[in-house]
C-alpha cells in the first residue's frame, strides 16, 4: 500500500489531469482519498488543481475537521460532500469533484445522463442522475446528494458540476472521465438528429456482463438483479428521467419492490 506522501503525489497528478483536460478552471474542483476510518487527505481550497505539489495536500478527520495543513493551506470548502459519501458508502476510497464542460452543461440544463447509447457507458455507469441544487460549501449539497449514494457511483450536481467516487483515486477519476465522455457523445449525437437508444433486452444483457465482470461499486444493474430483471433497465425505464422529484420517486418505488421481494424470501 502506498504511503501518505505517495498518495499526496497521486492526488497532485490527478489534479493536473483534470486541469489539463479542461475539467476545471482556475481554482475549481476538489479531490479526497480515504486513509482509514478517521483520516482523509484532500486538496486545499483556493488553489488551482493543475499546479499542486504534495505539501499543498491537507488531512482531515471523518467530520471534515482539519488535522494537518501546511502554511496557509486549508481543506477544500466542499469537503462536506466528500465526507457524506464516505459516511454512507464504506466501500469508497476516493471522491473526485470537477466541472467537466459537457457534463456540467447537462447539469446546468437540468438534463440527466440517462439515455443508453453505448455499451461502455451502460456497463460502467448505468446512468447519471442529477442531485438537486445546493449552495456550495454548505450541507445543502450533501443533503441533496444523500439519496443517490446507495444506488450510483456518479451524479451531476445541478448547475454546478459532477461528483464521482470509487474504491481508489484512479478509479474515481476514471469515473469522471467516463461521465464526461458519455456527456460529450450524447451532446454530439443530439446534434446529428438524436441517438439511437438500446432497448431493454440489450440493456439487461449489458447489465449481466457487468455482473459477470464483478465490477465494484453501485449500479442500476444491482437493482435489476434484486428485482429479477423487472426494473425495466433501472434509470433507463420509461422516459429515462432520474432527476429532481421524478428520480426520488422512481428510486423509492424500486427500493420498495426490492424490500418486498427480500422480505418475501425470508418468510
C-alpha atoms as a PDB file:
ATOM      1  CA  UNK A   1       0.000   0.000   0.000  1.00  0.00           C
ATOM      2  CA  UNK A   2       1.299   3.488  -0.867  1.00  0.00           C
ATOM      3  CA  UNK A   3       2.401   5.726   1.977  1.00  0.00           C
ATOM      4  CA  UNK A   4       0.862   9.141   2.604  1.00  0.00           C
ATOM      5  CA  UNK A   5       3.474  11.020   0.600  1.00  0.00           C
ATOM      6  CA  UNK A   6       2.900   8.779  -2.427  1.00  0.00           C
ATOM      7  CA  UNK A   7      -0.849   9.284  -2.150  1.00  0.00           C
ATOM      8  CA  UNK A   8      -0.342  13.049  -1.993  1.00  0.00           C
ATOM      9  CA  UNK A   9       1.708  12.828  -5.201  1.00  0.00           C
ATOM     10  CA  UNK A  10      -1.083  10.814  -6.824  1.00  0.00           C
ATOM     11  CA  UNK A  11      -3.634  13.463  -5.814  1.00  0.00           C
ATOM     12  CA  UNK A  12      -1.460  16.131  -7.428  1.00  0.00           C
ATOM     13  CA  UNK A  13      -1.148  14.034 -10.580  1.00  0.00           C
ATOM     14  CA  UNK A  14      -4.915  13.552 -10.844  1.00  0.00           C
ATOM     15  CA  UNK A  15      -5.406  17.261 -10.127  1.00  0.00           C
ATOM     16  CA  UNK A  16      -3.155  18.100 -13.071  1.00  0.00           C
ATOM     17  CA  UNK A  17      -5.018  15.635 -15.264  1.00  0.00           C
ATOM     18  CA  UNK A  18      -8.434  17.178 -14.580  1.00  0.00           C
ATOM     19  CA  UNK A  19      -6.954  20.650 -15.095  1.00  0.00           C
ATOM     20  CA  UNK A  20      -5.223  19.723 -18.358  1.00  0.00           C
ATOM     21  CA  UNK A  21      -8.389  18.017 -19.641  1.00  0.00           C
ATOM     22  CA  UNK A  22     -10.414  21.205 -19.111  1.00  0.00           C
ATOM     23  CA  UNK A  23     -12.488  19.605 -16.366  1.00  0.00           C
ATOM     24  CA  UNK A  24     -11.824  22.539 -14.041  1.00  0.00           C
ATOM     25  CA  UNK A  25     -10.897  26.204 -14.376  1.00  0.00           C
ATOM     26  CA  UNK A  26      -8.905  28.435 -12.040  1.00  0.00           C
ATOM     27  CA  UNK A  27      -9.261  27.002  -8.505  1.00  0.00           C
ATOM     28  CA  UNK A  28     -12.303  24.809  -9.170  1.00  0.00           C
ATOM     29  CA  UNK A  29     -12.701  21.179  -8.160  1.00  0.00           C
ATOM     30  CA  UNK A  30     -11.556  19.051  -5.247  1.00  0.00           C
ATOM     31  CA  UNK A  31     -10.200  15.563  -4.587  1.00  0.00           C
ATOM     32  CA  UNK A  32     -10.056  13.385  -1.492  1.00  0.00           C
ATOM     33  CA  UNK A  33      -8.659   9.977  -0.530  1.00  0.00           C
ATOM     34  CA  UNK A  34      -9.541   7.839   2.472  1.00  0.00           C
ATOM     35  CA  UNK A  35      -6.571   6.709   4.557  1.00  0.00           C
ATOM     36  CA  UNK A  36      -8.638   4.982   7.243  1.00  0.00           C
ATOM     37  CA  UNK A  37     -11.958   5.485   9.003  1.00  0.00           C
ATOM     38  CA  UNK A  38     -10.691   8.596  10.778  1.00  0.00           C
ATOM     39  CA  UNK A  39      -8.173  10.205   8.395  1.00  0.00           C
ATOM     40  CA  UNK A  40      -8.584  11.562   4.882  1.00  0.00           C
ATOM     41  CA  UNK A  41      -6.338  13.513   2.532  1.00  0.00           C
ATOM     42  CA  UNK A  42      -7.872  16.312   0.458  1.00  0.00           C
ATOM     43  CA  UNK A  43      -6.979  19.173  -1.830  1.00  0.00           C
ATOM     44  CA  UNK A  44      -6.864  22.684  -0.339  1.00  0.00           C
ATOM     45  CA  UNK A  45      -9.307  25.476  -1.020  1.00  0.00           C
ATOM     46  CA  UNK A  46      -8.381  28.372  -3.289  1.00  0.00           C
ATOM     47  CA  UNK A  47      -5.651  26.537  -5.207  1.00  0.00           C
ATOM     48  CA  UNK A  48      -5.502  25.525  -8.872  1.00  0.00           C
ATOM     49  CA  UNK A  49      -5.604  21.749  -9.194  1.00  0.00           C
ATOM     50  CA  UNK A  50      -3.139  21.945 -12.066  1.00  0.00           C
ATOM     51  CA  UNK A  51      -0.279  23.382 -10.015  1.00  0.00           C
ATOM     52  CA  UNK A  52      -0.299  21.464  -6.736  1.00  0.00           C
ATOM     53  CA  UNK A  53       2.643  19.784  -5.061  1.00  0.00           C
ATOM     54  CA  UNK A  54       2.439  17.275  -2.169  1.00  0.00           C
ATOM     55  CA  UNK A  55       2.876  19.899   0.558  1.00  0.00           C
ATOM     56  CA  UNK A  56      -0.385  21.504  -0.556  1.00  0.00           C
ATOM     57  CA  UNK A  57      -2.448  18.474   0.471  1.00  0.00           C
ATOM     58  CA  UNK A  58      -4.371  18.660   3.764  1.00  0.00           C
ATOM     59  CA  UNK A  59      -5.540  15.981   6.183  1.00  0.00           C
ATOM     60  CA  UNK A  60      -8.987  15.961   7.798  1.00  0.00           C
ATOM     61  CA  UNK A  61     -10.966  13.689  10.110  1.00  0.00           C
ATOM     62  CA  UNK A  62     -14.284  11.986   9.372  1.00  0.00           C
ATOM     63  CA  UNK A  63     -16.139  15.188  10.278  1.00  0.00           C
ATOM     64  CA  UNK A  64     -14.077  17.324   7.911  1.00  0.00           C
ATOM     65  CA  UNK A  65     -12.079  18.956  10.707  1.00  0.00           C
ATOM     66  CA  UNK A  66      -8.534  19.873   9.747  1.00  0.00           C
ATOM     67  CA  UNK A  67      -5.889  17.586  11.255  1.00  0.00           C
ATOM     68  CA  UNK A  68      -2.912  18.808   9.263  1.00  0.00           C
ATOM     69  CA  UNK A  69      -2.241  21.631   6.813  1.00  0.00           C
ATOM     70  CA  UNK A  70       0.960  23.394   5.821  1.00  0.00           C
ATOM     71  CA  UNK A  71       1.302  27.171   5.841  1.00  0.00           C
ATOM     72  CA  UNK A  72      -1.889  28.960   4.861  1.00  0.00           C
ATOM     73  CA  UNK A  73      -3.447  25.955   3.131  1.00  0.00           C
ATOM     74  CA  UNK A  74      -6.883  24.908   4.346  1.00  0.00           C
ATOM     75  CA  UNK A  75      -9.043  21.908   3.374  1.00  0.00           C
ATOM     76  CA  UNK A  76     -11.463  22.271   0.483  1.00  0.00           C
ATOM     77  CA  UNK A  77     -14.608  24.168   1.373  1.00  0.00           C
ATOM     78  CA  UNK A  78     -16.559  21.351  -0.321  1.00  0.00           C
ATOM     79  CA  UNK A  79     -15.208  18.636   1.991  1.00  0.00           C
ATOM     80  CA  UNK A  80     -18.703  18.166   3.475  1.00  0.00           C
ATOM     81  CA  UNK A  81     -19.995  16.386   0.394  1.00  0.00           C
ATOM     82  CA  UNK A  82     -16.934  14.134   0.311  1.00  0.00           C
ATOM     83  CA  UNK A  83     -17.486  13.168   3.947  1.00  0.00           C
ATOM     84  CA  UNK A  84     -21.125  12.320   3.286  1.00  0.00           C
ATOM     85  CA  UNK A  85     -20.059   9.898   0.569  1.00  0.00           C
ATOM     86  CA  UNK A  86     -17.557   8.196   2.869  1.00  0.00           C
ATOM     87  CA  UNK A  87     -20.070   8.036   5.713  1.00  0.00           C
ATOM     88  CA  UNK A  88     -22.766   6.298   3.678  1.00  0.00           C
ATOM     89  CA  UNK A  89     -20.513   4.294   1.373  1.00  0.00           C
ATOM     90  CA  UNK A  90     -17.846   2.462   3.405  1.00  0.00           C
ATOM     91  CA  UNK A  91     -16.663   0.772   0.196  1.00  0.00           C
ATOM     92  CA  UNK A  92     -15.488   4.111  -1.227  1.00  0.00           C
ATOM     93  CA  UNK A  93     -11.816   5.043  -1.062  1.00  0.00           C
ATOM     94  CA  UNK A  94     -11.763   8.279  -3.064  1.00  0.00           C
ATOM     95  CA  UNK A  95     -14.041  11.099  -4.261  1.00  0.00           C
ATOM     96  CA  UNK A  96     -13.483  13.483  -7.191  1.00  0.00           C
ATOM     97  CA  UNK A  97     -15.418  16.682  -7.885  1.00  0.00           C
ATOM     98  CA  UNK A  98     -14.923  18.596 -11.136  1.00  0.00           C
ATOM     99  CA  UNK A  99     -16.685  20.811 -13.675  1.00  0.00           C
ATOM    100  CA  UNK A 100     -16.201  18.920 -16.970  1.00  0.00           C
ATOM    101  CA  UNK A 101     -17.693  21.090 -19.694  1.00  0.00           C
ATOM    102  CA  UNK A 102     -20.128  18.687 -21.385  1.00  0.00           C
ATOM    103  CA  UNK A 103     -21.343  17.009 -18.201  1.00  0.00           C
ATOM    104  CA  UNK A 104     -21.699  20.356 -16.439  1.00  0.00           C
ATOM    105  CA  UNK A 105     -23.632  21.719 -19.404  1.00  0.00           C
ATOM    106  CA  UNK A 106     -26.158  18.919 -18.937  1.00  0.00           C
ATOM    107  CA  UNK A 107     -26.269  19.699 -15.208  1.00  0.00           C
ATOM    108  CA  UNK A 108     -26.927  23.377 -15.941  1.00  0.00           C
ATOM    109  CA  UNK A 109     -29.660  22.466 -18.440  1.00  0.00           C
ATOM    110  CA  UNK A 110     -31.237  20.105 -15.910  1.00  0.00           C
ATOM    111  CA  UNK A 111     -30.812  17.056 -18.158  1.00  0.00           C
ATOM    112  CA  UNK A 112     -29.615  13.817 -16.509  1.00  0.00           C
ATOM    113  CA  UNK A 113     -27.479  11.365 -18.466  1.00  0.00           C
ATOM    114  CA  UNK A 114     -29.989   8.548 -18.797  1.00  0.00           C
ATOM    115  CA  UNK A 115     -30.044   7.577 -22.468  1.00  0.00           C
ATOM    116  CA  UNK A 116     -28.489   4.136 -23.090  1.00  0.00           C
ATOM    117  CA  UNK A 117     -26.411   4.863 -26.165  1.00  0.00           C
ATOM    118  CA  UNK A 118     -23.161   2.888 -25.886  1.00  0.00           C
ATOM    119  CA  UNK A 119     -22.174  -0.365 -24.139  1.00  0.00           C
ATOM    120  CA  UNK A 120     -19.318   1.091 -22.111  1.00  0.00           C
ATOM    121  CA  UNK A 121     -21.494   3.794 -20.543  1.00  0.00           C
ATOM    122  CA  UNK A 122     -24.272   1.349 -19.679  1.00  0.00           C
ATOM    123  CA  UNK A 123     -21.815  -1.097 -18.095  1.00  0.00           C
ATOM    124  CA  UNK A 124     -19.664   1.455 -16.256  1.00  0.00           C
ATOM    125  CA  UNK A 125     -22.306   3.974 -15.164  1.00  0.00           C
ATOM    126  CA  UNK A 126     -25.788   2.754 -15.976  1.00  0.00           C
ATOM    127  CA  UNK A 127     -26.929   6.340 -15.887  1.00  0.00           C
ATOM    128  CA  UNK A 128     -26.040   9.558 -14.089  1.00  0.00           C
ATOM    129  CA  UNK A 129     -28.841  11.357 -12.203  1.00  0.00           C
ATOM    130  CA  UNK A 130     -28.902  14.997 -11.125  1.00  0.00           C
ATOM    131  CA  UNK A 131     -28.736  15.873  -7.436  1.00  0.00           C
ATOM    132  CA  UNK A 132     -30.888  18.937  -6.846  1.00  0.00           C
ATOM    133  CA  UNK A 133     -29.145  22.288  -6.438  1.00  0.00           C
ATOM    134  CA  UNK A 134     -27.499  23.131  -3.136  1.00  0.00           C
ATOM    135  CA  UNK A 135     -25.443  26.119  -2.042  1.00  0.00           C
ATOM    136  CA  UNK A 136     -21.710  25.316  -2.316  1.00  0.00           C
ATOM    137  CA  UNK A 137     -19.774  24.852   0.945  1.00  0.00           C
ATOM    138  CA  UNK A 138     -22.972  24.145   2.916  1.00  0.00           C
ATOM    139  CA  UNK A 139     -24.723  20.944   3.974  1.00  0.00           C
ATOM    140  CA  UNK A 140     -27.316  21.527   1.259  1.00  0.00           C
ATOM    141  CA  UNK A 141     -25.272  19.666  -1.354  1.00  0.00           C
ATOM    142  CA  UNK A 142     -24.555  16.559   0.765  1.00  0.00           C
ATOM    143  CA  UNK A 143     -28.175  16.533   1.925  1.00  0.00           C
ATOM    144  CA  UNK A 144     -29.432  16.534  -1.691  1.00  0.00           C
ATOM    145  CA  UNK A 145     -26.763  14.015  -2.682  1.00  0.00           C
ATOM    146  CA  UNK A 146     -27.552  11.515   0.058  1.00  0.00           C
ATOM    147  CA  UNK A 147     -30.489   9.690  -1.547  1.00  0.00           C
ATOM    148  CA  UNK A 148     -28.419   8.793  -4.615  1.00  0.00           C
ATOM    149  CA  UNK A 149     -25.447   7.324  -2.763  1.00  0.00           C
ATOM    150  CA  UNK A 150     -26.837   3.793  -2.241  1.00  0.00           C
ATOM    151  CA  UNK A 151     -27.517   3.350  -5.963  1.00  0.00           C
ATOM    152  CA  UNK A 152     -24.940   5.228  -8.038  1.00  0.00           C
ATOM    153  CA  UNK A 153     -21.209   5.949  -8.270  1.00  0.00           C
ATOM    154  CA  UNK A 154     -21.602   9.228 -10.158  1.00  0.00           C
ATOM    155  CA  UNK A 155     -24.010  12.154 -10.092  1.00  0.00           C
ATOM    156  CA  UNK A 156     -24.386  15.513 -11.747  1.00  0.00           C
ATOM    157  CA  UNK A 157     -24.777  18.430  -9.356  1.00  0.00           C
ATOM    158  CA  UNK A 158     -27.495  20.750 -10.611  1.00  0.00           C
ATOM    159  CA  UNK A 159     -25.983  23.978 -12.032  1.00  0.00           C
ATOM    160  CA  UNK A 160     -22.646  23.015 -10.508  1.00  0.00           C
ATOM    161  CA  UNK A 161     -20.666  20.100 -11.926  1.00  0.00           C
ATOM    162  CA  UNK A 162     -20.142  16.372 -11.387  1.00  0.00           C
ATOM    163  CA  UNK A 163     -19.146  14.137  -8.486  1.00  0.00           C
ATOM    164  CA  UNK A 164     -17.726  10.612  -8.778  1.00  0.00           C
ATOM    165  CA  UNK A 165     -16.447   8.095  -6.258  1.00  0.00           C
ATOM    166  CA  UNK A 166     -14.932   4.622  -6.256  1.00  0.00           C
ATOM    167  CA  UNK A 167     -12.645   2.198  -4.472  1.00  0.00           C
ATOM    168  CA  UNK A 168      -9.478   4.221  -5.086  1.00  0.00           C
ATOM    169  CA  UNK A 169      -8.303   7.508  -6.561  1.00  0.00           C
ATOM    170  CA  UNK A 170      -7.605   6.313 -10.093  1.00  0.00           C
ATOM    171  CA  UNK A 171     -10.942   4.518 -10.301  1.00  0.00           C
ATOM    172  CA  UNK A 172     -12.803   7.613  -9.059  1.00  0.00           C
ATOM    173  CA  UNK A 173     -11.005   9.742 -11.649  1.00  0.00           C
ATOM    174  CA  UNK A 174     -11.812   7.240 -14.407  1.00  0.00           C
ATOM    175  CA  UNK A 175     -15.483   7.522 -13.413  1.00  0.00           C
ATOM    176  CA  UNK A 176     -15.228  11.270 -14.014  1.00  0.00           C
ATOM    177  CA  UNK A 177     -13.659  10.671 -17.432  1.00  0.00           C
ATOM    178  CA  UNK A 178     -16.450   8.234 -18.269  1.00  0.00           C
ATOM    179  CA  UNK A 179     -19.151  10.716 -17.244  1.00  0.00           C
ATOM    180  CA  UNK A 180     -17.646  13.450 -19.397  1.00  0.00           C
ATOM    181  CA  UNK A 181     -17.137  11.167 -22.416  1.00  0.00           C
ATOM    182  CA  UNK A 182     -20.735   9.928 -22.112  1.00  0.00           C
ATOM    183  CA  UNK A 183     -21.997  13.522 -21.931  1.00  0.00           C
ATOM    184  CA  UNK A 184     -19.918  14.609 -24.922  1.00  0.00           C
ATOM    185  CA  UNK A 185     -21.119  11.723 -27.086  1.00  0.00           C
ATOM    186  CA  UNK A 186     -24.727  12.302 -26.079  1.00  0.00           C
ATOM    187  CA  UNK A 187     -24.435  16.018 -26.855  1.00  0.00           C
ATOM    188  CA  UNK A 188     -22.914  15.393 -30.291  1.00  0.00           C
ATOM    189  CA  UNK A 189     -25.390  12.642 -31.136  1.00  0.00           C
ATOM    190  CA  UNK A 190     -28.210  15.060 -30.404  1.00  0.00           C
ATOM    191  CA  UNK A 191     -26.736  17.482 -32.936  1.00  0.00           C
ATOM    192  CA  UNK A 192     -26.923  14.705 -35.525  1.00  0.00           C
ATOM    193  CA  UNK A 193     -30.629  14.162 -35.021  1.00  0.00           C
ATOM    194  CA  UNK A 194     -30.677  12.206 -31.771  1.00  0.00           C
ATOM    195  CA  UNK A 195     -29.040   8.995 -30.553  1.00  0.00           C
ATOM    196  CA  UNK A 196     -30.387   5.525 -31.214  1.00  0.00           C
ATOM    197  CA  UNK A 197     -31.060   4.040 -27.789  1.00  0.00           C
ATOM    198  CA  UNK A 198     -30.714   0.411 -26.726  1.00  0.00           C
ATOM    199  CA  UNK A 199     -33.904  -1.493 -25.980  1.00  0.00           C
ATOM    200  CA  UNK A 200     -34.482  -3.049 -22.559  1.00  0.00           C
ATOM    201  CA  UNK A 201     -33.333  -6.508 -23.673  1.00  0.00           C
ATOM    202  CA  UNK A 202     -29.983  -5.092 -24.769  1.00  0.00           C
ATOM    203  CA  UNK A 203     -29.657  -3.143 -21.522  1.00  0.00           C
ATOM    204  CA  UNK A 204     -30.276  -6.296 -19.474  1.00  0.00           C
ATOM    205  CA  UNK A 205     -27.596  -8.166 -21.453  1.00  0.00           C
ATOM    206  CA  UNK A 206     -25.112  -5.382 -20.704  1.00  0.00           C
ATOM    207  CA  UNK A 207     -26.101  -5.410 -17.034  1.00  0.00           C
ATOM    208  CA  UNK A 208     -25.432  -9.141 -16.967  1.00  0.00           C
ATOM    209  CA  UNK A 209     -21.990  -8.562 -18.458  1.00  0.00           C
ATOM    210  CA  UNK A 210     -21.293  -6.106 -15.653  1.00  0.00           C
ATOM    211  CA  UNK A 211     -22.384  -8.625 -13.026  1.00  0.00           C
ATOM    212  CA  UNK A 212     -20.203 -11.323 -14.573  1.00  0.00           C
ATOM    213  CA  UNK A 213     -17.234  -8.939 -14.543  1.00  0.00           C
ATOM    214  CA  UNK A 214     -17.718  -8.441 -10.807  1.00  0.00           C
ATOM    215  CA  UNK A 215     -17.174  -4.699 -11.007  1.00  0.00           C
ATOM    216  CA  UNK A 216     -17.186  -2.909  -7.630  1.00  0.00           C
ATOM    217  CA  UNK A 217     -19.495  -0.096  -6.610  1.00  0.00           C
ATOM    218  CA  UNK A 218     -23.198   0.599  -7.037  1.00  0.00           C
ATOM    219  CA  UNK A 219     -25.106   0.484 -10.312  1.00  0.00           C
ATOM    220  CA  UNK A 220     -28.710   0.201 -11.589  1.00  0.00           C
ATOM    221  CA  UNK A 221     -27.860  -3.395 -12.550  1.00  0.00           C
ATOM    222  CA  UNK A 222     -27.860  -4.215  -8.827  1.00  0.00           C
ATOM    223  CA  UNK A 223     -31.473  -3.131  -8.500  1.00  0.00           C
ATOM    224  CA  UNK A 224     -32.456  -5.053 -11.613  1.00  0.00           C
ATOM    225  CA  UNK A 225     -30.819  -8.196 -10.221  1.00  0.00           C
ATOM    226  CA  UNK A 226     -32.787  -7.890  -6.971  1.00  0.00           C
ATOM    227  CA  UNK A 227     -35.987  -7.456  -8.958  1.00  0.00           C
ATOM    228  CA  UNK A 228     -35.259 -10.366 -11.269  1.00  0.00           C
ATOM    229  CA  UNK A 229     -34.810  -8.019 -14.212  1.00  0.00           C
ATOM    230  CA  UNK A 230     -38.177  -6.380 -13.610  1.00  0.00           C
ATOM    231  CA  UNK A 231     -36.878  -2.859 -13.082  1.00  0.00           C
ATOM    232  CA  UNK A 232     -37.032  -2.103 -16.782  1.00  0.00           C
ATOM    233  CA  UNK A 233     -33.403  -1.092 -17.026  1.00  0.00           C
ATOM    234  CA  UNK A 234     -33.238   0.869 -13.780  1.00  0.00           C
ATOM    235  CA  UNK A 235     -32.990   4.559 -14.550  1.00  0.00           C
ATOM    236  CA  UNK A 236     -33.362   3.825 -18.269  1.00  0.00           C
ATOM    237  CA  UNK A 237     -37.006   2.811 -17.827  1.00  0.00           C
ATOM    238  CA  UNK A 238     -39.889   4.838 -19.191  1.00  0.00           C
ATOM    239  CA  UNK A 239     -38.770   8.304 -20.179  1.00  0.00           C
ATOM    240  CA  UNK A 240     -35.381   7.734 -18.554  1.00  0.00           C
ATOM    241  CA  UNK A 241     -35.805  10.645 -16.176  1.00  0.00           C
ATOM    242  CA  UNK A 242     -33.888  10.376 -12.951  1.00  0.00           C
ATOM    243  CA  UNK A 243     -33.590  13.923 -11.688  1.00  0.00           C
ATOM    244  CA  UNK A 244     -35.409  16.025  -9.117  1.00  0.00           C
ATOM    245  CA  UNK A 245     -38.693  14.626  -7.800  1.00  0.00           C
ATOM    246  CA  UNK A 246     -39.158  12.027 -10.535  1.00  0.00           C
ATOM    247  CA  UNK A 247     -35.820  10.458  -9.611  1.00  0.00           C
ATOM    248  CA  UNK A 248     -36.619  10.304  -5.923  1.00  0.00           C
ATOM    249  CA  UNK A 249     -39.993   8.720  -6.611  1.00  0.00           C
ATOM    250  CA  UNK A 250     -38.568   6.184  -9.050  1.00  0.00           C
ATOM    251  CA  UNK A 251     -35.813   5.201  -6.639  1.00  0.00           C
ATOM    252  CA  UNK A 252     -38.243   4.854  -3.749  1.00  0.00           C
ATOM    253  CA  UNK A 253     -40.564   2.639  -5.828  1.00  0.00           C
ATOM    254  CA  UNK A 254     -37.708   0.385  -6.911  1.00  0.00           C
ATOM    255  CA  UNK A 255     -36.328   0.112  -3.366  1.00  0.00           C
ATOM    256  CA  UNK A 256     -39.812  -0.695  -2.072  1.00  0.00           C
ATOM    257  CA  UNK A 257     -40.070  -3.534  -4.589  1.00  0.00           C
ATOM    258  CA  UNK A 258     -36.614  -4.836  -3.657  1.00  0.00           C
ATOM    259  CA  UNK A 259     -37.503  -4.745   0.044  1.00  0.00           C
ATOM    260  CA  UNK A 260     -40.815  -6.517  -0.604  1.00  0.00           C
ATOM    261  CA  UNK A 261     -39.058  -9.287  -2.525  1.00  0.00           C
ATOM    262  CA  UNK A 262     -36.352  -9.769   0.108  1.00  0.00           C
ATOM    263  CA  UNK A 263     -38.900  -9.923   2.931  1.00  0.00           C
ATOM    264  CA  UNK A 264     -40.907 -12.489   0.972  1.00  0.00           C
ATOM    265  CA  UNK A 265     -37.812 -14.663   0.608  1.00  0.00           C
ATOM    266  CA  UNK A 266     -37.200 -14.502   4.380  1.00  0.00           C
ATOM    267  CA  UNK A 267     -40.630 -15.900   5.293  1.00  0.00           C
END
